[in-house]
Amino acid sequence: MIVHTRRRRFFVLLAFHTIAWGASGYFIHSAQTGDRGLLAKREAKAQTDAIIAEIGALKAEKAAWERRVTQLSSEKVDRDLLDERTRAMLNVVHRSDVVILLDR
């Protein structure tokens, strides 16, 4: 009987440590590569940085458009800008302009 008790204790400890190390390895692997793991956090950070850069570019473009609209709609109209927009909308040129036709 003493032999069986020693074997049983050895195998119980072996099984316990195997299960504990296996579970620890699983959780460490999951924390590294899972849906909410470290790699997913890096990808989310990269996406956030890209979106912030895009927002900055869009804000600069919006400011440029607002500046152009202000120049067209204020009490003192920028004549060059008004002339440019009029020619573009009516598809006409001034007689002193040089026109270069490009193949498309």
C-alpha atoms as a PDB file:
ATOM      1  CA  MET A   1       0.000   0.000   0.000  1.00  0.00           C
ATOM      2  CA  ILE A   2       2.793   2.403   0.675  1.00  0.00           C
ATOM      3  CA  VAL A   3       4.017   2.007  -2.915  1.00  0.00           C
ATOM      4  CA  HIS A   4       0.593   2.940  -4.291  1.00  0.00           C
ATOM      5  CA  THR A   5       0.407   6.039  -2.101  1.00  0.00           C
ATOM      6  CA  ARG A   6       3.791   7.274  -3.237  1.00  0.00           C
ATOM      7  CA  ARG A   7       2.925   6.673  -6.893  1.00  0.00           C
ATOM      8  CA  ARG A   8      -0.443   8.303  -6.460  1.00  0.00           C
ATOM      9  CA  ARG A   9       1.120  11.364  -4.829  1.00  0.00           C
ATOM     10  CA  PHE A  10       3.723  11.584  -7.590  1.00  0.00           C
ATOM     11  CA  PHE A  11       1.159  11.313 -10.409  1.00  0.00           C
ATOM     12  CA  VAL A  12      -1.250  13.728  -8.717  1.00  0.00           C
ATOM     13  CA  LEU A  13       1.530  16.305  -8.380  1.00  0.00           C
ATOM     14  CA  LEU A  14       2.634  15.634 -11.956  1.00  0.00           C
ATOM     15  CA  ALA A  15      -0.922  16.051 -13.247  1.00  0.00           C
ATOM     16  CA  PHE A  16      -1.432  19.221 -11.179  1.00  0.00           C
ATOM     17  CA  HIS A  17       1.774  20.831 -12.432  1.00  0.00           C
ATOM     18  CA  THR A  18       1.080  19.790 -16.024  1.00  0.00           C
ATOM     19  CA  ILE A  19      -2.408  21.306 -15.912  1.00  0.00           C
ATOM     20  CA  ALA A  20      -1.183  24.447 -14.116  1.00  0.00           C
ATOM     21  CA  TRP A  21       1.680  25.033 -16.578  1.00  0.00           C
ATOM     22  CA  GLY A  22      -0.581  24.261 -19.530  1.00  0.00           C
ATOM     23  CA  ALA A  23      -3.219  26.726 -18.342  1.00  0.00           C
ATOM     24  CA  SER A  24      -0.561  29.361 -17.651  1.00  0.00           C
ATOM     25  CA  GLY A  25       0.890  28.882 -21.126  1.00  0.00           C
ATOM     26  CA  TYR A  26      -2.567  29.154 -22.683  1.00  0.00           C
ATOM     27  CA  PHE A  27      -3.360  32.387 -20.868  1.00  0.00           C
ATOM     28  CA  ILE A  28       0.036  33.899 -21.690  1.00  0.00           C
ATOM     29  CA  HIS A  29      -0.404  33.001 -25.359  1.00  0.00           C
ATOM     30  CA  SER A  30      -3.932  34.412 -25.342  1.00  0.00           C
ATOM     31  CA  ALA A  31      -2.782  37.637 -23.692  1.00  0.00           C
ATOM     32  CA  GLN A  32      -0.150  38.037 -26.392  1.00  0.00           C
ATOM     33  CA  THR A  33      -2.123  37.156 -29.540  1.00  0.00           C
ATOM     34  CA  GLY A  34      -5.801  37.175 -28.598  1.00  0.00           C
ATOM     35  CA  ASP A  35      -8.561  39.572 -29.683  1.00  0.00           C
ATOM     36  CA  ARG A  36      -7.672  41.928 -26.847  1.00  0.00           C
ATOM     37  CA  GLY A  37      -3.998  40.992 -26.592  1.00  0.00           C
ATOM     38  CA  LEU A  38      -0.829  42.994 -26.969  1.00  0.00           C
ATOM     39  CA  LEU A  39      -0.669  42.569 -30.749  1.00  0.00           C
ATOM     40  CA  ALA A  40      -4.260  43.765 -31.128  1.00  0.00           C
ATOM     41  CA  LYS A  41      -3.415  46.758 -28.943  1.00  0.00           C
ATOM     42  CA  ARG A  42      -0.495  47.662 -31.240  1.00  0.00           C
ATOM     43  CA  GLU A  43      -2.718  47.375 -34.327  1.00  0.00           C
ATOM     44  CA  ALA A  44      -5.393  49.545 -32.722  1.00  0.00           C
ATOM     45  CA  LYS A  45      -2.745  52.143 -31.810  1.00  0.00           C
ATOM     46  CA  ALA A  46      -1.473  52.189 -35.415  1.00  0.00           C
ATOM     47  CA  GLN A  47      -5.023  52.618 -36.740  1.00  0.00           C
ATOM     48  CA  THR A  48      -5.649  55.421 -34.251  1.00  0.00           C
ATOM     49  CA  ASP A  49      -2.462  57.214 -35.321  1.00  0.00           C
ATOM     50  CA  ALA A  50      -3.424  56.890 -39.001  1.00  0.00           C
ATOM     51  CA  ILE A  51      -6.917  58.252 -38.337  1.00  0.00           C
ATOM     52  CA  ILE A  52      -5.515  61.163 -36.311  1.00  0.00           C
ATOM     53  CA  ALA A  53      -3.160  62.025 -39.191  1.00  0.00           C
ATOM     54  CA  GLU A  54      -6.061  61.857 -41.647  1.00  0.00           C
ATOM     55  CA  ILE A  55      -8.162  64.099 -39.403  1.00  0.00           C
ATOM     56  CA  GLY A  56      -5.315  66.633 -39.293  1.00  0.00           C
ATOM     57  CA  ALA A  57      -5.096  66.679 -43.100  1.00  0.00           C
ATOM     58  CA  LEU A  58      -8.860  67.052 -43.405  1.00  0.00           C
ATOM     59  CA  LYS A  59      -8.894  69.923 -40.903  1.00  0.00           C
ATOM     60  CA  ALA A  60      -6.203  71.721 -42.930  1.00  0.00           C
ATOM     61  CA  GLU A  61      -8.220  71.193 -46.111  1.00  0.00           C
ATOM     62  CA  LYS A  62     -11.364  72.468 -44.378  1.00  0.00           C
ATOM     63  CA  ALA A  63      -9.513  75.590 -43.220  1.00  0.00           C
ATOM     64  CA  ALA A  64      -8.317  76.226 -46.793  1.00  0.00           C
ATOM     65  CA  TRP A  65     -11.866  75.882 -48.131  1.00  0.00           C
ATOM     66  CA  GLU A  66     -13.248  78.133 -45.418  1.00  0.00           C
ATOM     67  CA  ARG A  67     -10.628  80.742 -46.276  1.00  0.00           C
ATOM     68  CA  ARG A  68     -11.598  80.589 -49.964  1.00  0.00           C
ATOM     69  CA  VAL A  69     -15.322  80.821 -49.164  1.00  0.00           C
ATOM     70  CA  THR A  70     -14.667  83.785 -46.885  1.00  0.00           C
ATOM     71  CA  GLN A  71     -12.756  85.518 -49.676  1.00  0.00           C
ATOM     72  CA  LEU A  72     -15.676  85.005 -52.069  1.00  0.00           C
ATOM     73  CA  SER A  73     -18.502  85.909 -49.714  1.00  0.00           C
ATOM     74  CA  SER A  74     -17.153  88.815 -47.684  1.00  0.00           C
ATOM     75  CA  GLU A  75     -17.925  92.481 -48.314  1.00  0.00           C
ATOM     76  CA  LYS A  76     -14.593  92.921 -50.079  1.00  0.00           C
ATOM     77  CA  VAL A  77     -14.428  90.195 -52.736  1.00  0.00           C
ATOM     78  CA  ASP A  78     -11.046  88.953 -53.926  1.00  0.00           C
ATOM     79  CA  ARG A  79     -11.279  89.802 -57.643  1.00  0.00           C
ATOM     80  CA  ASP A  80      -8.652  87.289 -58.779  1.00  0.00           C
ATOM     81  CA  LEU A  81     -10.407  84.431 -57.050  1.00  0.00           C
ATOM     82  CA  LEU A  82     -13.797  85.548 -58.380  1.00  0.00           C
ATOM     83  CA  ASP A  83     -12.374  85.803 -61.901  1.00  0.00           C
ATOM     84  CA  GLU A  84     -10.810  82.334 -61.602  1.00  0.00           C
ATOM     85  CA  ARG A  85     -14.059  80.734 -60.446  1.00  0.00           C
ATOM     86  CA  THR A  86     -16.100  82.534 -63.116  1.00  0.00           C
ATOM     87  CA  ARG A  87     -13.816  81.334 -65.896  1.00  0.00           C
ATOM     88  CA  ALA A  88     -13.801  77.780 -64.566  1.00  0.00           C
ATOM     89  CA  MET A  89     -17.598  77.644 -64.301  1.00  0.00           C
ATOM     90  CA  LEU A  90     -18.300  79.270 -67.671  1.00  0.00           C
ATOM     91  CA  ASN A  91     -15.422  77.469 -69.432  1.00  0.00           C
ATOM     92  CA  VAL A  92     -14.098  80.652 -71.048  1.00  0.00           C
ATOM     93  CA  VAL A  93     -10.698  82.334 -71.259  1.00  0.00           C
ATOM     94  CA  HIS A  94      -9.556  85.922 -71.427  1.00  0.00           C
ATOM     95  CA  ARG A  95      -8.200  87.044 -74.784  1.00  0.00           C
ATOM     96  CA  SER A  96      -4.761  87.699 -73.284  1.00  0.00           C
ATOM     97  CA  ASP A  97      -4.515  84.197 -71.734  1.00  0.00           C
ATOM     98  CA  VAL A  98      -2.350  81.479 -73.236  1.00  0.00           C
ATOM     99  CA  VAL A  99      -4.160  78.160 -73.588  1.00  0.00           C
ATOM    100  CA  ILE A 100      -2.250  74.873 -73.787  1.00  0.00           C
ATOM    101  CA  LEU A 101      -4.355  71.849 -74.728  1.00  0.00           C
ATOM    102  CA  LEU A 102      -3.316  68.522 -73.251  1.00  0.00           C
ATOM    103  CA  ASP A 103      -4.251  65.067 -74.528  1.00  0.00           C
ATOM    104  CA  ARG A 104      -6.275  63.143 -71.995  1.00  0.00           C
END
